[in-house]
C-alpha atoms as a PDB file:
ATOM      1  CA  MET A   1     100.437  19.671 -77.645  1.00  0.00           C
ATOM      2  CA  GLU A   2     100.933  19.740 -81.368  1.00  0.00           C
ATOM      3  CA  LYS A   3      97.751  20.753 -83.186  1.00  0.00           C
ATOM      4  CA  GLY A   4      95.581  17.756 -84.034  1.00  0.00           C
ATOM      5  CA  ASN A   5      97.529  15.386 -81.765  1.00  0.00           C
ATOM      6  CA  LEU A   6      95.568  13.287 -79.298  1.00  0.00           C
ATOM      7  CA  LEU A   7      98.628  11.816 -77.580  1.00  0.00           C
ATOM      8  CA  ASN A   8     102.217  13.012 -77.339  1.00  0.00           C
ATOM      9  CA  ILE A   9     105.060  11.009 -75.815  1.00  0.00           C
ATOM     10  CA  ARG A  10     108.281  12.957 -75.222  1.00  0.00           C
ATOM     11  CA  ASP A  11     111.631  11.598 -74.075  1.00  0.00           C
ATOM     12  CA  LEU A  12     110.096   8.574 -72.309  1.00  0.00           C
ATOM     13  CA  SER A  13     112.565   6.286 -70.506  1.00  0.00           C
ATOM     14  CA  VAL A  14     111.664   3.215 -68.428  1.00  0.00           C
ATOM     15  CA  GLU A  15     113.981   0.977 -66.433  1.00  0.00           C
ATOM     16  CA  PHE A  16     113.546  -2.247 -64.452  1.00  0.00           C
ATOM     17  CA  ASN A  17     115.760  -3.185 -61.524  1.00  0.00           C
ATOM     18  CA  THR A  18     116.546  -6.910 -61.691  1.00  0.00           C
ATOM     19  CA  ASP A  19     119.038  -9.323 -60.122  1.00  0.00           C
ATOM     20  CA  SER A  20     120.954  -9.229 -63.411  1.00  0.00           C
ATOM     21  CA  GLY A  21     121.198  -5.443 -63.438  1.00  0.00           C
ATOM     22  CA  VAL A  22     119.179  -2.453 -64.599  1.00  0.00           C
ATOM     23  CA  VAL A  23     117.131  -3.277 -67.704  1.00  0.00           C
ATOM     24  CA  LYS A  24     116.815  -0.165 -69.896  1.00  0.00           C
ATOM     25  CA  ALA A  25     113.556  -1.085 -71.623  1.00  0.00           C
ATOM     26  CA  VAL A  26     112.646   2.303 -73.164  1.00  0.00           C
ATOM     27  CA  ASN A  27     115.233   4.976 -73.930  1.00  0.00           C
ATOM     28  CA  GLY A  28     114.105   8.488 -74.863  1.00  0.00           C
ATOM     29  CA  MET A  29     110.985   7.451 -76.767  1.00  0.00           C
ATOM     30  CA  ASN A  30     109.202  10.128 -78.820  1.00  0.00           C
ATOM     31  CA  LEU A  31     105.811   9.370 -80.417  1.00  0.00           C
ATOM     32  CA  SER A  32     102.625  11.159 -81.391  1.00  0.00           C
ATOM     33  CA  LEU A  33      99.136   9.929 -82.251  1.00  0.00           C
ATOM     34  CA  ASN A  34      96.476  11.993 -84.054  1.00  0.00           C
ATOM     35  CA  LYS A  35      92.730  11.618 -83.779  1.00  0.00           C
ATOM     36  CA  LYS A  36      91.234   8.817 -85.921  1.00  0.00           C
ATOM     37  CA  GLU A  37      94.746   7.596 -86.745  1.00  0.00           C
ATOM     38  CA  THR A  38      96.353   4.173 -86.466  1.00  0.00           C
ATOM     39  CA  LEU A  39     100.005   4.090 -85.385  1.00  0.00           C
ATOM     40  CA  GLY A  40     101.921   0.861 -85.885  1.00  0.00           C
ATOM     41  CA  LEU A  41     104.775   0.039 -83.481  1.00  0.00           C
ATOM     42  CA  VAL A  42     107.043  -2.603 -84.988  1.00  0.00           C
ATOM     43  CA  GLY A  43     110.245  -4.245 -83.837  1.00  0.00           C
ATOM     44  CA  GLU A  44     111.727  -7.414 -82.450  1.00  0.00           C
ATOM     45  CA  THR A  45     110.627  -9.023 -79.196  1.00  0.00           C
ATOM     46  CA  GLY A  46     112.082  -7.079 -76.284  1.00  0.00           C
ATOM     47  CA  ALA A  47     112.332  -3.771 -78.179  1.00  0.00           C
ATOM     48  CA  GLY A  48     110.219  -1.924 -75.588  1.00  0.00           C
ATOM     49  CA  LYS A  49     106.884  -1.798 -77.395  1.00  0.00           C
ATOM     50  CA  THR A  50     104.728  -3.303 -74.663  1.00  0.00           C
ATOM     51  CA  THR A  51     106.557  -1.366 -71.943  1.00  0.00           C
ATOM     52  CA  THR A  52     105.698   1.840 -73.823  1.00  0.00           C
ATOM     53  CA  ALA A  53     102.025   0.769 -73.903  1.00  0.00           C
ATOM     54  CA  LEU A  54     102.020   0.074 -70.157  1.00  0.00           C
ATOM     55  CA  ALA A  55     103.574   3.497 -69.549  1.00  0.00           C
ATOM     56  CA  ILE A  56     100.764   5.151 -71.541  1.00  0.00           C
ATOM     57  CA  LEU A  57      98.298   3.581 -69.106  1.00  0.00           C
ATOM     58  CA  ASN A  58     100.618   4.350 -66.151  1.00  0.00           C
ATOM     59  CA  LEU A  59     100.760   0.631 -65.394  1.00  0.00           C
ATOM     60  CA  VAL A  60     104.513   0.046 -65.318  1.00  0.00           C
ATOM     61  CA  PRO A  61     104.885  -2.229 -62.266  1.00  0.00           C
ATOM     62  CA  ASP A  62     106.735  -0.344 -59.507  1.00  0.00           C
ATOM     63  CA  PRO A  63     108.776  -2.102 -58.256  1.00  0.00           C
ATOM     64  CA  PRO A  64     110.710  -3.279 -60.231  1.00  0.00           C
ATOM     65  CA  GLY A  65     109.887  -0.767 -62.980  1.00  0.00           C
ATOM     66  CA  ILE A  66     110.430   2.955 -62.844  1.00  0.00           C
ATOM     67  CA  ILE A  67     109.777   5.729 -65.356  1.00  0.00           C
ATOM     68  CA  THR A  68     113.000   7.700 -65.177  1.00  0.00           C
ATOM     69  CA  SER A  69     112.132  10.555 -67.561  1.00  0.00           C
ATOM     70  CA  GLY A  70     109.624  11.922 -70.027  1.00  0.00           C
ATOM     71  CA  GLU A  71     106.022  12.966 -70.270  1.00  0.00           C
ATOM     72  CA  ILE A  72     102.919  11.444 -71.842  1.00  0.00           C
ATOM     73  CA  GLU A  73     100.463  14.177 -72.763  1.00  0.00           C
ATOM     74  CA  PHE A  74      96.827  13.222 -73.256  1.00  0.00           C
ATOM     75  CA  GLU A  75      94.047  15.843 -73.463  1.00  0.00           C
ATOM     76  CA  GLY A  76      96.468  18.498 -72.218  1.00  0.00           C
ATOM     77  CA  ASN A  77      97.534  16.601 -69.098  1.00  0.00           C
ATOM     78  CA  ASP A  78     100.653  14.563 -68.323  1.00  0.00           C
ATOM     79  CA  ILE A  79      99.486  11.019 -67.601  1.00  0.00           C
ATOM     80  CA  LEU A  80     102.625  10.352 -65.567  1.00  0.00           C
ATOM     81  CA  GLN A  81     101.622  13.115 -63.140  1.00  0.00           C
ATOM     82  CA  THR A  82      97.984  12.018 -62.910  1.00  0.00           C
ATOM     83  CA  LYS A  83      96.687  10.635 -59.597  1.00  0.00           C
ATOM     84  CA  GLU A  84      95.707   6.983 -59.532  1.00  0.00           C
ATOM     85  CA  LYS A  85      92.015   7.688 -58.845  1.00  0.00           C
ATOM     86  CA  ASP A  86      91.934   9.861 -61.989  1.00  0.00           C
ATOM     87  CA  MET A  87      93.871   7.238 -63.975  1.00  0.00           C
ATOM     88  CA  ARG A  88      91.135   4.685 -63.218  1.00  0.00           C
ATOM     89  CA  LYS A  89      88.688   6.932 -65.040  1.00  0.00           C
ATOM     90  CA  ILE A  90      91.025   7.190 -68.038  1.00  0.00           C
ATOM     91  CA  ARG A  91      91.730   3.446 -68.297  1.00  0.00           C
ATOM     92  CA  GLY A  92      88.860   1.731 -70.071  1.00  0.00           C
ATOM     93  CA  GLU A  93      86.836   4.908 -70.553  1.00  0.00           C
ATOM     94  CA  LYS A  94      89.319   6.926 -72.632  1.00  0.00           C
ATOM     95  CA  ILE A  95      92.234   4.573 -73.262  1.00  0.00           C
ATOM     96  CA  SER A  96      91.721   0.806 -73.541  1.00  0.00           C
ATOM     97  CA  MET A  97      94.150  -2.015 -74.145  1.00  0.00           C
ATOM     98  CA  ILE A  98      93.751  -5.328 -75.963  1.00  0.00           C
ATOM     99  CA  PHE A  99      96.365  -7.775 -74.711  1.00  0.00           C
ATOM    100  CA  GLN A 100      98.019 -10.337 -76.942  1.00  0.00           C
ATOM    101  CA  ASP A 101      96.595 -13.502 -75.381  1.00  0.00           C
ATOM    102  CA  PRO A 102      92.779 -13.556 -75.124  1.00  0.00           C
ATOM    103  CA  MET A 103      93.002 -16.848 -73.225  1.00  0.00           C
ATOM    104  CA  THR A 104      94.530 -15.083 -70.208  1.00  0.00           C
ATOM    105  CA  SER A 105      92.722 -11.720 -70.619  1.00  0.00           C
ATOM    106  CA  LEU A 106      89.310 -13.090 -69.572  1.00  0.00           C
ATOM    107  CA  ASN A 107      88.185 -14.258 -66.142  1.00  0.00           C
ATOM    108  CA  PRO A 108      87.487 -18.007 -66.488  1.00  0.00           C
ATOM    109  CA  VAL A 109      84.803 -18.041 -63.754  1.00  0.00           C
ATOM    110  CA  MET A 110      82.706 -15.142 -65.065  1.00  0.00           C
ATOM    111  CA  THR A 111      80.386 -15.242 -68.057  1.00  0.00           C
ATOM    112  CA  ILE A 112      81.411 -13.066 -70.993  1.00  0.00           C
ATOM    113  CA  GLY A 113      78.304 -10.947 -70.494  1.00  0.00           C
ATOM    114  CA  LYS A 114      79.185 -10.219 -66.879  1.00  0.00           C
ATOM    115  CA  GLN A 115      82.734  -9.241 -67.891  1.00  0.00           C
ATOM    116  CA  ILE A 116      81.505  -6.677 -70.431  1.00  0.00           C
ATOM    117  CA  GLU A 117      78.933  -5.395 -67.918  1.00  0.00           C
ATOM    118  CA  GLU A 118      81.672  -4.973 -65.316  1.00  0.00           C
ATOM    119  CA  VAL A 119      83.463  -2.532 -67.616  1.00  0.00           C
ATOM    120  CA  LEU A 120      80.235  -0.595 -68.131  1.00  0.00           C
ATOM    121  CA  ALA A 121      79.523  -0.534 -64.373  1.00  0.00           C
ATOM    122  CA  LEU A 122      82.931   0.985 -63.715  1.00  0.00           C
ATOM    123  CA  HIS A 123      82.849   3.686 -66.350  1.00  0.00           C
ATOM    124  CA  THR A 124      79.181   4.534 -67.143  1.00  0.00           C
ATOM    125  CA  LYS A 125      76.040   5.512 -65.268  1.00  0.00           C
ATOM    126  CA  LEU A 126      73.876   2.869 -66.971  1.00  0.00           C
ATOM    127  CA  ASP A 127      71.543   0.864 -64.743  1.00  0.00           C
ATOM    128  CA  LYS A 128      71.511  -2.956 -64.724  1.00  0.00           C
ATOM    129  CA  ASN A 129      69.076  -3.235 -67.634  1.00  0.00           C
ATOM    130  CA  GLY A 130      70.975  -0.601 -69.591  1.00  0.00           C
ATOM    131  CA  ARG A 131      74.268  -2.424 -69.065  1.00  0.00           C
ATOM    132  CA  ARG A 132      72.744  -5.715 -70.274  1.00  0.00           C
ATOM    133  CA  GLU A 133      71.323  -4.081 -73.401  1.00  0.00           C
ATOM    134  CA  LYS A 134      74.641  -2.368 -74.146  1.00  0.00           C
ATOM    135  CA  THR A 135      76.426  -5.702 -73.670  1.00  0.00           C
ATOM    136  CA  LEU A 136      74.133  -7.347 -76.215  1.00  0.00           C
ATOM    137  CA  GLU A 137      74.773  -4.501 -78.645  1.00  0.00           C
ATOM    138  CA  MET A 138      78.532  -5.008 -78.224  1.00  0.00           C
ATOM    139  CA  LEU A 139      78.165  -8.710 -78.991  1.00  0.00           C
ATOM    140  CA  ASP A 140      76.276  -7.770 -82.174  1.00  0.00           C
ATOM    141  CA  LEU A 141      79.087  -5.402 -83.131  1.00  0.00           C
ATOM    142  CA  VAL A 142      81.806  -8.024 -82.846  1.00  0.00           C
ATOM    143  CA  GLY A 143      79.778 -10.722 -84.590  1.00  0.00           C
ATOM    144  CA  ILE A 144      78.853 -12.986 -81.662  1.00  0.00           C
ATOM    145  CA  ARG A 145      75.271 -14.237 -81.251  1.00  0.00           C
ATOM    146  CA  ARG A 146      73.376 -12.726 -78.314  1.00  0.00           C
ATOM    147  CA  GLU A 147      72.485 -16.135 -76.908  1.00  0.00           C
ATOM    148  CA  ARG A 148      76.181 -16.643 -76.089  1.00  0.00           C
ATOM    149  CA  VAL A 149      76.021 -13.838 -73.486  1.00  0.00           C
ATOM    150  CA  ASN A 150      75.935 -16.347 -70.586  1.00  0.00           C
ATOM    151  CA  ASP A 151      78.752 -18.500 -71.931  1.00  0.00           C
ATOM    152  CA  TYR A 152      82.067 -18.824 -70.091  1.00  0.00           C
ATOM    153  CA  PRO A 153      85.385 -18.182 -71.827  1.00  0.00           C
ATOM    154  CA  HIS A 154      86.251 -21.900 -72.056  1.00  0.00           C
ATOM    155  CA  GLN A 155      83.153 -22.378 -74.250  1.00  0.00           C
ATOM    156  CA  LEU A 156      84.511 -19.992 -76.917  1.00  0.00           C
ATOM    157  CA  SER A 157      87.149 -20.441 -79.598  1.00  0.00           C
ATOM    158  CA  GLY A 158      90.322 -18.349 -79.592  1.00  0.00           C
ATOM    159  CA  GLY A 159      88.927 -15.985 -82.210  1.00  0.00           C
ATOM    160  CA  MET A 160      85.683 -15.532 -80.290  1.00  0.00           C
ATOM    161  CA  LYS A 161      87.604 -14.794 -77.086  1.00  0.00           C
ATOM    162  CA  GLN A 162      89.566 -12.106 -78.905  1.00  0.00           C
ATOM    163  CA  ARG A 163      86.297 -10.622 -80.158  1.00  0.00           C
ATOM    164  CA  ILE A 164      85.033 -10.462 -76.553  1.00  0.00           C
ATOM    165  CA  VAL A 165      88.250  -8.695 -75.485  1.00  0.00           C
ATOM    166  CA  ILE A 166      87.715  -6.211 -78.332  1.00  0.00           C
ATOM    167  CA  ALA A 167      84.069  -5.726 -77.256  1.00  0.00           C
ATOM    168  CA  MET A 168      85.250  -4.971 -73.691  1.00  0.00           C
ATOM    169  CA  ALA A 169      87.831  -2.494 -74.994  1.00  0.00           C
ATOM    170  CA  LEU A 170      85.233  -0.684 -77.116  1.00  0.00           C
ATOM    171  CA  ALA A 171      82.360  -0.804 -74.635  1.00  0.00           C
ATOM    172  CA  CYS A 172      82.922   2.743 -73.373  1.00  0.00           C
ATOM    173  CA  ASN A 173      83.841   4.126 -76.804  1.00  0.00           C
ATOM    174  CA  PRO A 174      87.416   5.085 -75.818  1.00  0.00           C
ATOM    175  CA  GLU A 175      89.425   7.631 -77.770  1.00  0.00           C
ATOM    176  CA  ILE A 176      92.479   5.357 -77.976  1.00  0.00           C
ATOM    177  CA  ILE A 177      92.787   1.577 -78.177  1.00  0.00           C
ATOM    178  CA  ILE A 178      96.217   0.014 -77.630  1.00  0.00           C
ATOM    179  CA  ALA A 179      96.296  -3.396 -79.342  1.00  0.00           C
ATOM    180  CA  ASP A 180      99.278  -5.454 -78.171  1.00  0.00           C
ATOM    181  CA  GLU A 181      99.875  -8.285 -80.654  1.00  0.00           C
ATOM    182  CA  PRO A 182      96.102  -8.893 -80.905  1.00  0.00           C
ATOM    183  CA  THR A 183      96.396 -11.659 -83.509  1.00  0.00           C
ATOM    184  CA  THR A 184      99.500 -13.543 -82.269  1.00  0.00           C
ATOM    185  CA  ALA A 185      97.619 -16.413 -80.644  1.00  0.00           C
ATOM    186  CA  LEU A 186      95.191 -16.863 -83.546  1.00  0.00           C
ATOM    187  CA  ASP A 187      95.383 -18.861 -86.785  1.00  0.00           C
ATOM    188  CA  VAL A 188      95.778 -17.004 -90.070  1.00  0.00           C
ATOM    189  CA  THR A 189      92.109 -17.103 -91.076  1.00  0.00           C
ATOM    190  CA  ILE A 190      90.934 -15.781 -87.710  1.00  0.00           C
ATOM    191  CA  GLN A 191      93.710 -13.168 -87.785  1.00  0.00           C
ATOM    192  CA  ALA A 192      92.259 -11.760 -91.001  1.00  0.00           C
ATOM    193  CA  GLN A 193      88.761 -11.663 -89.521  1.00  0.00           C
ATOM    194  CA  VAL A 194      89.942  -9.872 -86.395  1.00  0.00           C
ATOM    195  CA  MET A 195      91.899  -7.285 -88.385  1.00  0.00           C
ATOM    196  CA  GLU A 196      88.902  -6.634 -90.638  1.00  0.00           C
ATOM    197  CA  LEU A 197      86.725  -6.233 -87.530  1.00  0.00           C
ATOM    198  CA  MET A 198      89.144  -3.711 -86.008  1.00  0.00           C
ATOM    199  CA  LYS A 199      89.164  -1.664 -89.218  1.00  0.00           C
ATOM    200  CA  GLU A 200      85.367  -1.626 -89.330  1.00  0.00           C
ATOM    201  CA  LEU A 201      85.051  -0.599 -85.668  1.00  0.00           C
ATOM    202  CA  LYS A 202      87.715   2.103 -86.046  1.00  0.00           C
ATOM    203  CA  SER A 203      85.702   3.603 -88.907  1.00  0.00           C
ATOM    204  CA  LYS A 204      82.435   3.324 -86.959  1.00  0.00           C
ATOM    205  CA  PHE A 205      83.685   4.833 -83.689  1.00  0.00           C
ATOM    206  CA  ASP A 206      86.456   7.149 -85.021  1.00  0.00           C
ATOM    207  CA  THR A 207      88.845   5.541 -82.553  1.00  0.00           C
ATOM    208  CA  SER A 208      92.607   6.080 -82.646  1.00  0.00           C
ATOM    209  CA  ILE A 209      94.646   2.854 -82.462  1.00  0.00           C
ATOM    210  CA  ILE A 210      98.202   2.009 -81.416  1.00  0.00           C
ATOM    211  CA  MET A 211      98.921  -1.373 -82.998  1.00  0.00           C
ATOM    212  CA  ILE A 212     101.899  -3.222 -81.490  1.00  0.00           C
ATOM    213  CA  THR A 213     103.218  -6.107 -83.548  1.00  0.00           C
ATOM    214  CA  HIS A 214     106.219  -7.670 -85.237  1.00  0.00           C
ATOM    215  CA  ASP A 215     104.014  -8.702 -88.174  1.00  0.00           C
ATOM    216  CA  LEU A 216     104.763  -6.230 -90.947  1.00  0.00           C
ATOM    217  CA  GLY A 217     101.838  -7.545 -93.001  1.00  0.00           C
ATOM    218  CA  VAL A 218      99.373  -6.565 -90.269  1.00  0.00           C
ATOM    219  CA  ILE A 219     100.846  -3.054 -90.101  1.00  0.00           C
ATOM    220  CA  ALA A 220     100.644  -2.590 -93.887  1.00  0.00           C
ATOM    221  CA  GLU A 221      96.972  -3.464 -93.742  1.00  0.00           C
ATOM    222  CA  ILE A 222      95.823  -1.220 -90.914  1.00  0.00           C
ATOM    223  CA  ALA A 223      98.347   1.532 -90.018  1.00  0.00           C
ATOM    224  CA  ASP A 224      98.466   5.172 -91.165  1.00  0.00           C
ATOM    225  CA  LYS A 225     101.854   5.807 -89.521  1.00  0.00           C
ATOM    226  CA  VAL A 226     104.663   3.441 -88.494  1.00  0.00           C
ATOM    227  CA  ALA A 227     107.366   3.721 -85.845  1.00  0.00           C
ATOM    228  CA  VAL A 228     110.206   1.156 -85.970  1.00  0.00           C
ATOM    229  CA  VAL A 229     111.526   0.432 -82.489  1.00  0.00           C
ATOM    230  CA  TYR A 230     114.960  -0.987 -81.627  1.00  0.00           C
ATOM    231  CA  ALA A 231     116.484  -1.302 -78.121  1.00  0.00           C
ATOM    232  CA  GLY A 232     113.883   1.013 -76.646  1.00  0.00           C
ATOM    233  CA  GLU A 233     114.279   3.781 -79.246  1.00  0.00           C
ATOM    234  CA  VAL A 234     112.310   4.825 -82.317  1.00  0.00           C
ATOM    235  CA  VAL A 235     114.915   4.514 -85.090  1.00  0.00           C
ATOM    236  CA  GLU A 236     112.588   5.452 -87.953  1.00  0.00           C
ATOM    237  CA  SER A 237     109.058   6.788 -88.226  1.00  0.00           C
ATOM    238  CA  GLY A 238     106.799   8.106 -90.964  1.00  0.00           C
ATOM    239  CA  THR A 239     103.720   7.275 -92.959  1.00  0.00           C
ATOM    240  CA  THR A 240     103.146   3.652 -93.874  1.00  0.00           C
ATOM    241  CA  LYS A 241     104.075   4.508 -97.442  1.00  0.00           C
ATOM    242  CA  ASP A 242     107.347   6.102 -96.276  1.00  0.00           C
ATOM    243  CA  ILE A 243     108.391   3.078 -94.279  1.00  0.00           C
ATOM    244  CA  TYR A 244     107.342   0.451 -96.829  1.00  0.00           C
ATOM    245  CA  THR A 245     108.558   2.139 -99.996  1.00  0.00           C
ATOM    246  CA  ASP A 246     111.348   4.499 -98.906  1.00  0.00           C
ATOM    247  CA  LYS A 247     112.835   2.930 -95.782  1.00  0.00           C
ATOM    248  CA  LYS A 248     116.107   4.527 -94.641  1.00  0.00           C
ATOM    249  CA  HIS A 249     117.490   3.160 -91.392  1.00  0.00           C
ATOM    250  CA  PRO A 250     119.747   0.099 -91.787  1.00  0.00           C
ATOM    251  CA  TYR A 251     117.676  -1.757 -89.171  1.00  0.00           C
ATOM    252  CA  THR A 252     114.416  -1.046 -91.006  1.00  0.00           C
ATOM    253  CA  VAL A 253     116.003  -2.204 -94.264  1.00  0.00           C
ATOM    254  CA  GLY A 254     117.219  -5.377 -92.581  1.00  0.00           C
ATOM    255  CA  LEU A 255     113.839  -6.039 -91.019  1.00  0.00           C
ATOM    256  CA  PHE A 256     112.056  -5.853 -94.351  1.00  0.00           C
ATOM    257  CA  SER A 257     114.758  -7.847 -96.161  1.00  0.00           C
ATOM    258  CA  SER A 258     114.195 -10.773 -93.797  1.00  0.00           C
ATOM    259  CA  ILE A 259     110.590 -11.214 -95.022  1.00  0.00           C
ATOM    260  CA  PRO A 260     110.042 -14.101 -97.493  1.00  0.00           C
ATOM    261  CA  LYS A 261     108.872 -12.886-100.895  1.00  0.00           C
ATOM    262  CA  LEU A 262     105.996 -14.653-102.646  1.00  0.00           C
ATOM    263  CA  THR A 263     106.921 -13.393-106.114  1.00  0.00           C
ATOM    264  CA  GLY A 264     110.107 -13.334-108.187  1.00  0.00           C
ATOM    265  CA  ASP A 265     113.064 -15.647-107.933  1.00  0.00           C
ATOM    266  CA  VAL A 266     113.595 -17.720-104.824  1.00  0.00           C
ATOM    267  CA  GLU A 267     116.518 -16.289-102.905  1.00  0.00           C
ATOM    268  CA  ARG A 268     118.179 -16.961 -99.574  1.00  0.00           C
ATOM    269  CA  LEU A 269     116.655 -14.727 -96.928  1.00  0.00           C
ATOM    270  CA  GLN A 270     118.839 -11.911 -95.717  1.00  0.00           C
ATOM    271  CA  VAL A 271     119.446 -11.791 -92.007  1.00  0.00           C
ATOM    272  CA  ILE A 272     120.561  -8.999 -89.665  1.00  0.00           C
ATOM    273  CA  PRO A 273     123.925 -10.091 -88.237  1.00  0.00           C
ATOM    274  CA  GLY A 274     124.371 -10.489 -84.516  1.00  0.00           C
ATOM    275  CA  MET A 275     121.777 -10.419 -81.723  1.00  0.00           C
ATOM    276  CA  THR A 276     119.663  -7.746 -80.116  1.00  0.00           C
ATOM    277  CA  PRO A 277     121.719  -6.046 -77.401  1.00  0.00           C
ATOM    278  CA  ASP A 278     121.484  -7.024 -73.741  1.00  0.00           C
ATOM    279  CA  PRO A 279     119.183  -4.358 -72.216  1.00  0.00           C
ATOM    280  CA  THR A 280     121.315  -4.383 -69.057  1.00  0.00           C
ATOM    281  CA  ASP A 281     124.427  -3.590 -71.069  1.00  0.00           C
ATOM    282  CA  LEU A 282     123.492  -1.466 -74.091  1.00  0.00           C
ATOM    283  CA  PRO A 283     126.311  -0.426 -76.425  1.00  0.00           C
ATOM    284  CA  CYS A 284     127.621   3.126 -76.476  1.00  0.00           C
ATOM    285  CA  GLY A 285     126.691   5.413 -79.357  1.00  0.00           C
ATOM    286  CA  CYS A 286     124.075   4.096 -81.750  1.00  0.00           C
ATOM    287  CA  LYS A 287     122.432   1.016 -80.192  1.00  0.00           C
ATOM    288  CA  PHE A 288     122.377  -0.717 -83.587  1.00  0.00           C
ATOM    289  CA  HIS A 289     126.045  -0.111 -84.514  1.00  0.00           C
ATOM    290  CA  PRO A 290     127.394  -3.579 -83.519  1.00  0.00           C
ATOM    291  CA  ARG A 291     125.027  -5.146 -86.089  1.00  0.00           C
ATOM    292  CA  CYS A 292     125.104  -2.441 -88.724  1.00  0.00           C
ATOM    293  CA  THR A 293     126.825  -3.078 -92.065  1.00  0.00           C
ATOM    294  CA  LYS A 294     127.153   0.677 -92.607  1.00  0.00           C
ATOM    295  CA  CYS A 295     128.644   1.545 -89.212  1.00  0.00           C
ATOM    296  CA  MET A 296     131.011   4.511 -89.065  1.00  0.00           C
ATOM    297  CA  GLU A 297     133.438   5.444 -86.300  1.00  0.00           C
ATOM    298  CA  MET A 298     131.155   8.157 -84.963  1.00  0.00           C
ATOM    299  CA  CYS A 299     128.348   5.603 -84.590  1.00  0.00           C
ATOM    300  CA  LYS A 300     130.402   3.779 -81.930  1.00  0.00           C
ATOM    301  CA  THR A 301     130.630   6.758 -79.584  1.00  0.00           C
ATOM    302  CA  GLU A 302     127.848   9.238 -80.442  1.00  0.00           C
ATOM    303  CA  ASN A 303     124.113   8.674 -80.139  1.00  0.00           C
ATOM    304  CA  PRO A 304     122.600  10.013 -83.386  1.00  0.00           C
ATOM    305  CA  PRO A 305     119.812  12.597 -83.267  1.00  0.00           C
ATOM    306  CA  VAL A 306     116.583  12.115 -85.204  1.00  0.00           C
ATOM    307  CA  TYR A 307     116.749  13.714 -88.661  1.00  0.00           C
ATOM    308  CA  GLU A 308     113.756  14.677 -90.796  1.00  0.00           C
ATOM    309  CA  VAL A 309     114.630  13.376 -94.261  1.00  0.00           C
ATOM    310  CA  SER A 310     111.292  14.388 -95.833  1.00  0.00           C
ATOM    311  CA  PRO A 311     108.149  15.923 -94.363  1.00  0.00           C
ATOM    312  CA  GLY A 312     107.021  13.696 -91.501  1.00  0.00           C
ATOM    313  CA  HIS A 313     109.704  11.038 -92.185  1.00  0.00           C
ATOM    314  CA  TYR A 314     112.265  10.753 -89.379  1.00  0.00           C
ATOM    315  CA  VAL A 315     115.438   8.654 -89.148  1.00  0.00           C
ATOM    316  CA  LYS A 316     117.783   8.203 -86.186  1.00  0.00           C
ATOM    317  CA  CYS A 317     120.955   7.639 -88.195  1.00  0.00           C
ATOM    318  CA  PHE A 318     124.114   9.619 -89.034  1.00  0.00           C
ATOM    319  CA  LEU A 319     123.888   8.433 -92.659  1.00  0.00           C
ATOM    320  CA  TYR A 320     121.141  10.987 -93.197  1.00  0.00           C
ATOM    321  CA  LYS A 321     122.788  13.962 -91.547  1.00  0.00           C
ATOM    322  CA  ASP A 322     123.501  15.634 -94.895  1.00  0.00           C
ATOM    323  CA  ALA A 323     120.124  14.665 -96.395  1.00  0.00           C
ATOM    324  CA  ALA A 324     118.391  16.496 -93.548  1.00  0.00           C
ATOM    325  CA  MET A 325     120.469  19.695 -93.753  1.00  0.00           C
ATOM    326  CA  GLY A 326     118.417  22.909 -93.935  1.00  0.00           C
ATOM    327  CA  VAL A 327     119.246  26.140 -95.688  1.00  0.00           C
ATOM    328  CA  GLU A 328     121.058  27.430 -92.661  1.00  0.00           C
ATOM    329  CA  GLY A 329     123.224  24.303 -92.521  1.00  0.00           C
ATOM    330  CA  GLU A 330     121.490  22.880 -89.453  1.00  0.00           C
ATOM    331  CA  ALA A 331     119.858  19.476 -89.324  1.00  0.00           C
ATOM    332  CA  HIS A 332     116.120  19.356 -88.803  1.00  0.00           C
ATOM    333  CA  THR A 333     115.507  17.026 -85.894  1.00  0.00           C
ATOM    334  CA  GLU A 334     112.121  15.631 -84.863  1.00  0.00           C
ATOM    335  CA  ASN A 335     111.721  17.834 -81.797  1.00  0.00           C
ATOM    336  CA  GLU A 336     112.667  20.951 -83.729  1.00  0.00           C
ATOM    337  CA  SER A 337     110.096  20.122 -86.417  1.00  0.00           C
ATOM    338  CA  GLU A 338     107.343  19.664 -83.799  1.00  0.00           C
ATOM    339  CA  GLU A 339     108.138  23.062 -82.323  1.00  0.00           C
ATOM    340  CA  LYS A 340     107.704  24.600 -85.760  1.00  0.00           C
END
């Protein structure tokens, strides 16, 4: 494991067998997460972000899903080779997940207090009184009054439900929280409150976060690093500053160009031509080439490697082959840089 890294994902590929064919959801994914860091995963719906999150927790449904290659290294061990009984200790205690819809994440026939206590019963040695006191402390942390501890989910607003889900995720002080579109089902005001809460709790608990979203504004606010995902591949990654001020990949450029601007002259929004590829019939070569305005002949037949265009800034695009050339005339790819 690279020094300082808490999580390393190498060459991860996930497929699903369906009646329509084999869905290639994740294709050779490479990611890393450092301690106390927030990594933003952005991309269109169906890009493979949630499937990657499920793979980290070893929860890809089998069947129909199957992890065909790769390793996910956490605390020196490959999660994909970990036995299920050991994974149960990791889930919730060391890696927690916040799902995108709080309305379906909570059990409607259990009080919110009981649901938080259930997490503590599974992963801690606290007695009944200790679990209740810890539950009340978690409610304090997420800004919900203690007297609501015996309420049922239907008695709470959407924002309060999401706060309960966050409280459950943080109850055992995990090292990593995976937040899958945590603000999608909330209105704008509540979104801002939830994001502010997550930043405060990250600072308090020194938790690492993987934030999955297609909302580039959310990522700008909370992420330290960003990985742009297209058709199951990371096409560009770097610091938030790299991605927002010095974006390179044509898909990343197109993604940002499609955002309405609040300042300057009113202009027609730019769009990325075409549609996202059918995951059962991905194009040869670069997966983005049918939609790319800068497509070259080699893009149609060869899958580009990942080039390091500046320290820590990686792009999966032949346009930057020369920009990434080293003194010896060899391109610096992501894997080579990690080995160094």
